[in-house]
Amino acid sequence: MTAGLAARAAQIVLPGRAVSVRAARRFTAAALPGCPRADDLVLAVSELASNAVTWSASGQEGAFTVRVRAAPGWARVEVTDAGPAAGEPPAGGNGWGLLIVAEVTDRCGTVTGPDGSRTAWAEVTWGEPPASAAGGDLPAHDCGDHQLTAGCPLDCLASRLSAQAYQPLRRELPWLLRRPVTVGDVTDMYLRSQLRHVRYLGRRRIGEIAVVLILAGLLAPPGDPPGPCAGRPG
């Protein structure tokens, strides 16, 4: 199965012991047969479950819950623990777990419930965004290889981005902004961390967009001080 992965949901409650991390991995793999990014989610669950056992009250004779949800082109895992552990945190933590989760998935985050429980989640997407995402296919226009400016129409990105990065922009942004979209709008949305809300985009594809904008001189490379506004239309 690829983009046609059937919608499904599954969950399991596991004791807060180190041996349960392996059980969480096996459960996740079994819940995602045919998913092309199952390995990414299995690794993410391994890190999140390990955190729950090591750093939360779930590891103090408690339990944690693993949930897996999937639909065509999308899958999500969640690990819910019992909240912060009592007493001093264990020594030796390196803090790399969440960085690994962020690297192998498209989106991730943490939500704290009213009872103090914490749910760490991660999502992945794959395949082409379906035409139904925006009510049908939209024609693309490629205006060549001229120098990009902030005032260029969005379609100037067509030949510079992969289809997986360009098509979500083309389908979603005109609907979100309710007007014609420029390359400068994409730059602004990147700087405001708003591109992560675009369906089917994801962290890696946002990174691809950033590279194109940096090469065009519309974004400063990481670590560089921000420069003056490069001709944004009023």
Protein backbone atom coordinates (compact mmCIF):
# COMPACT_ATOMS: atom_id res chain seq x y z
CA MET A 1 0.00 0.00 0.00
CA THR A 2 1.18 3.52 -0.73
CA ALA A 3 -1.00 6.61 -0.99
CA GLY A 4 -4.05 4.34 -0.83
CA LEU A 5 -3.35 3.18 2.74
CA ALA A 6 -6.74 2.54 4.31
CA ALA A 7 -7.91 4.70 7.19
CA ARG A 8 -7.25 2.98 10.49
CA ALA A 9 -6.64 3.63 14.18
CA ALA A 10 -5.17 1.47 16.94
CA GLN A 11 -3.88 1.92 20.46
CA ILE A 12 -2.21 -0.04 23.24
CA VAL A 13 -1.46 0.64 26.91
CA LEU A 14 1.96 -0.54 28.06
CA PRO A 15 3.64 -0.64 31.48
CA GLY A 16 6.23 2.04 32.08
CA ARG A 17 9.22 -0.26 31.83
CA ALA A 18 12.17 -0.31 29.44
CA VAL A 19 11.01 -3.58 27.87
CA SER A 20 7.86 -1.80 26.71
CA VAL A 21 9.82 0.34 24.24
CA ARG A 22 10.37 -2.73 22.08
CA ALA A 23 6.69 -3.63 22.41
CA ALA A 24 5.76 -0.11 21.28
CA ARG A 25 7.94 -0.49 18.17
CA ARG A 26 6.39 -3.84 17.29
CA PHE A 27 2.87 -2.53 17.83
CA THR A 28 3.50 0.47 15.58
CA ALA A 29 4.98 -1.63 12.79
CA ALA A 30 2.05 -4.04 12.94
CA ALA A 31 -0.45 -1.18 12.82
CA LEU A 32 1.05 0.25 9.60
CA PRO A 33 1.29 -2.61 7.09
CA GLY A 34 2.25 -1.30 3.68
CA CYS A 35 2.94 2.24 4.90
CA PRO A 36 5.96 3.55 2.95
CA ARG A 37 7.14 5.57 5.96
CA ALA A 38 6.45 3.03 8.68
CA ASP A 39 10.15 2.83 9.55
CA ASP A 40 10.22 6.57 10.30
CA LEU A 41 7.25 6.27 12.64
CA VAL A 42 8.63 3.16 14.34
CA LEU A 43 11.83 5.08 15.10
CA ALA A 44 9.80 8.06 16.34
CA VAL A 45 7.72 5.85 18.64
CA SER A 46 10.87 4.23 19.98
CA GLU A 47 12.23 7.64 21.02
CA LEU A 48 8.92 8.90 22.41
CA ALA A 49 8.26 5.70 24.37
CA SER A 50 11.78 5.77 25.76
CA ASN A 51 11.19 9.35 26.93
CA ALA A 52 7.93 8.34 28.59
CA VAL A 53 9.63 5.53 30.50
CA THR A 54 12.73 7.56 31.44
CA TRP A 55 11.41 11.04 32.17
CA SER A 56 7.73 10.79 33.12
CA ALA A 57 5.67 9.44 35.98
CA SER A 58 4.76 6.56 33.68
CA GLY A 59 8.20 5.13 34.42
CA GLN A 60 7.48 5.14 38.16
CA GLU A 61 5.25 2.04 38.22
CA GLY A 62 2.84 3.70 35.79
CA ALA A 63 1.85 3.12 32.17
CA PHE A 64 1.81 4.93 28.84
CA THR A 65 -0.41 4.73 25.77
CA VAL A 66 0.64 4.40 22.13
CA ARG A 67 -1.84 5.42 19.42
CA VAL A 68 -1.44 4.97 15.68
CA ARG A 69 -3.69 6.59 13.09
CA ALA A 70 -3.44 6.41 9.33
CA ALA A 71 -5.29 7.59 6.25
CA PRO A 72 -4.38 7.79 2.56
CA GLY A 73 -1.07 9.68 2.30
CA TRP A 74 -0.82 10.39 6.04
CA ALA A 75 -0.01 8.66 9.33
CA ARG A 76 0.41 9.80 12.93
CA VAL A 77 1.72 8.27 16.13
CA GLU A 78 1.09 9.50 19.68
CA VAL A 79 2.62 8.53 23.01
CA THR A 80 0.74 9.70 26.11
CA ASP A 81 2.46 9.52 29.48
CA ALA A 82 1.39 10.35 33.04
CA GLY A 83 3.15 13.71 33.22
CA PRO A 84 6.40 14.77 34.89
CA ALA A 85 8.14 12.28 37.13
CA ALA A 86 8.43 12.98 40.84
CA GLY A 87 11.84 13.71 42.36
CA GLU A 88 15.14 14.42 40.64
CA PRO A 89 15.38 13.67 36.90
CA PRO A 90 17.65 10.73 36.01
CA ALA A 91 21.23 11.53 35.08
CA GLY A 92 22.74 10.82 31.70
CA GLY A 93 20.01 12.10 29.37
CA ASN A 94 21.43 13.47 26.12
CA GLY A 95 18.35 15.23 24.73
CA TRP A 96 18.79 13.77 21.23
CA GLY A 97 15.52 11.82 21.16
CA LEU A 98 13.21 14.66 20.14
CA LEU A 99 15.75 15.90 17.60
CA ILE A 100 15.68 12.47 15.99
CA VAL A 101 11.87 12.52 15.91
CA ALA A 102 11.90 15.95 14.26
CA GLU A 103 14.43 14.76 11.68
CA VAL A 104 12.65 11.59 10.54
CA THR A 105 9.06 12.91 10.54
CA ASP A 106 7.34 15.85 8.84
CA ARG A 107 5.70 17.39 11.91
CA CYS A 108 5.87 16.72 15.63
CA GLY A 109 4.87 18.33 18.90
CA THR A 110 3.65 17.89 22.46
CA VAL A 111 0.29 18.60 24.09
CA THR A 112 -0.35 18.73 27.86
CA GLY A 113 -3.77 17.58 29.02
CA PRO A 114 -5.83 19.14 31.81
CA ASP A 115 -4.89 16.20 34.06
CA GLY A 116 -1.16 16.85 33.56
CA SER A 117 -0.67 14.00 31.10
CA ARG A 118 1.53 14.71 28.10
CA THR A 119 0.99 13.51 24.53
CA ALA A 120 3.97 13.61 22.19
CA TRP A 121 2.98 13.16 18.56
CA ALA A 122 4.60 12.88 15.15
CA GLU A 123 3.18 12.80 11.62
CA VAL A 124 4.40 11.81 8.18
CA THR A 125 2.95 12.23 4.69
CA TRP A 126 3.82 10.68 1.36
CA GLY A 127 2.74 10.55 -2.26
CA GLU A 128 1.09 13.28 -4.29
CA PRO A 129 -1.58 15.48 -2.70
CA PRO A 130 -4.96 14.38 -4.08
CA ALA A 131 -6.80 16.73 -6.41
CA SER A 132 -9.70 16.78 -3.96
CA ALA A 133 -7.51 18.70 -1.49
CA ALA A 134 -8.40 21.88 -3.36
CA GLY A 135 -11.51 20.86 -5.25
CA GLY A 136 -9.69 19.73 -8.41
CA ASP A 137 -6.47 20.05 -10.34
CA LEU A 138 -5.09 23.53 -10.85
CA PRO A 139 -3.13 24.45 -13.97
CA ALA A 140 0.50 25.31 -13.34
CA HIS A 141 2.38 28.04 -15.15
CA ASP A 142 6.16 28.07 -15.45
CA CYS A 143 7.58 31.52 -16.13
CA GLY A 144 11.09 30.31 -16.86
CA ASP A 145 14.43 30.58 -15.10
CA HIS A 146 14.63 34.32 -14.53
CA GLN A 147 15.76 35.70 -11.17
CA LEU A 148 13.06 35.26 -8.55
CA THR A 149 11.79 38.38 -6.79
CA ALA A 150 9.28 38.80 -4.00
CA GLY A 151 6.75 40.13 -6.51
CA CYS A 152 6.90 37.06 -8.79
CA PRO A 153 3.70 35.03 -9.02
CA LEU A 154 3.67 31.75 -7.13
CA ASP A 155 3.83 29.82 -10.40
CA CYS A 156 7.45 30.95 -10.86
CA LEU A 157 8.33 28.26 -8.30
CA ALA A 158 6.97 25.48 -10.50
CA SER A 159 10.27 24.63 -12.20
CA ARG A 160 12.36 25.21 -9.09
CA LEU A 161 10.60 22.88 -6.65
CA SER A 162 9.68 19.22 -6.71
CA ALA A 163 6.03 18.45 -7.38
CA GLN A 164 5.68 17.30 -3.76
CA ALA A 165 6.68 20.76 -2.52
CA TYR A 166 5.11 22.93 -5.23
CA GLN A 167 1.66 21.36 -5.56
CA PRO A 168 0.57 21.89 -1.93
CA LEU A 169 1.54 25.57 -2.25
CA ARG A 170 -0.36 25.90 -5.52
CA ARG A 171 -3.47 24.21 -4.19
CA GLU A 172 -3.63 25.60 -0.67
CA LEU A 173 -2.23 29.14 -0.54
CA PRO A 174 -4.69 30.91 -2.88
CA TRP A 175 -7.50 29.40 -0.82
CA LEU A 176 -5.88 30.36 2.50
CA LEU A 177 -5.02 33.93 1.48
CA ARG A 178 -8.13 34.52 -0.69
CA ARG A 179 -6.07 36.32 -3.34
CA PRO A 180 -3.32 35.70 -5.89
CA VAL A 181 -0.14 34.57 -4.15
CA THR A 182 3.38 35.87 -4.76
CA VAL A 183 6.77 34.36 -3.97
CA GLY A 184 7.06 37.09 -1.32
CA ASP A 185 4.00 35.64 0.41
CA VAL A 186 5.75 32.27 0.60
CA THR A 187 8.82 33.96 2.08
CA ASP A 188 6.72 35.77 4.68
CA MET A 189 4.88 32.58 5.61
CA TYR A 190 8.18 30.74 6.02
CA LEU A 191 9.56 33.45 8.30
CA ARG A 192 6.35 33.33 10.37
CA SER A 193 6.48 29.50 10.57
CA GLN A 194 3.10 29.36 8.82
CA LEU A 195 4.05 26.96 6.02
CA ARG A 196 3.85 24.08 8.48
CA HIS A 197 0.06 24.51 8.40
CA VAL A 198 -0.11 23.70 4.66
CA ARG A 199 -1.40 20.17 4.13
CA TYR A 200 0.93 17.62 2.50
CA LEU A 201 3.93 19.91 2.85
CA GLY A 202 5.90 18.66 5.84
CA ARG A 203 9.26 19.54 7.33
CA ARG A 204 11.48 18.21 4.54
CA ARG A 205 9.51 19.92 1.80
CA ILE A 206 9.50 23.19 3.75
CA GLY A 207 13.28 22.81 3.92
CA GLU A 208 13.38 22.43 0.14
CA ILE A 209 11.37 25.65 -0.27
CA ALA A 210 13.75 27.45 2.09
CA VAL A 211 16.77 26.40 -0.01
CA VAL A 212 15.17 27.84 -3.15
CA LEU A 213 14.34 31.09 -1.38
CA ILE A 214 17.88 31.35 0.03
CA LEU A 215 19.40 30.81 -3.42
CA ALA A 216 17.11 33.52 -4.78
CA GLY A 217 18.32 35.92 -2.11
CA LEU A 218 14.86 36.19 -0.52
CA LEU A 219 15.93 34.49 2.72
CA ALA A 220 19.14 34.82 4.71
CA PRO A 221 21.14 31.60 5.10
CA PRO A 222 20.95 30.05 8.59
CA GLY A 223 23.09 32.03 11.00
CA ASP A 224 23.29 35.13 8.85
CA PRO A 225 21.85 38.39 10.17
CA PRO A 226 18.64 39.43 8.41
CA GLY A 227 19.16 41.86 5.56
CA PRO A 228 16.92 44.63 4.28
CA CYS A 229 13.61 43.77 2.71
CA ALA A 230 14.23 42.73 -0.90
CA GLY A 231 11.55 44.59 -2.77
CA ARG A 232 8.41 43.30 -1.10
CA PRO A 233 5.36 44.80 -2.74
CA GLY A 234 3.30 47.06 -0.53
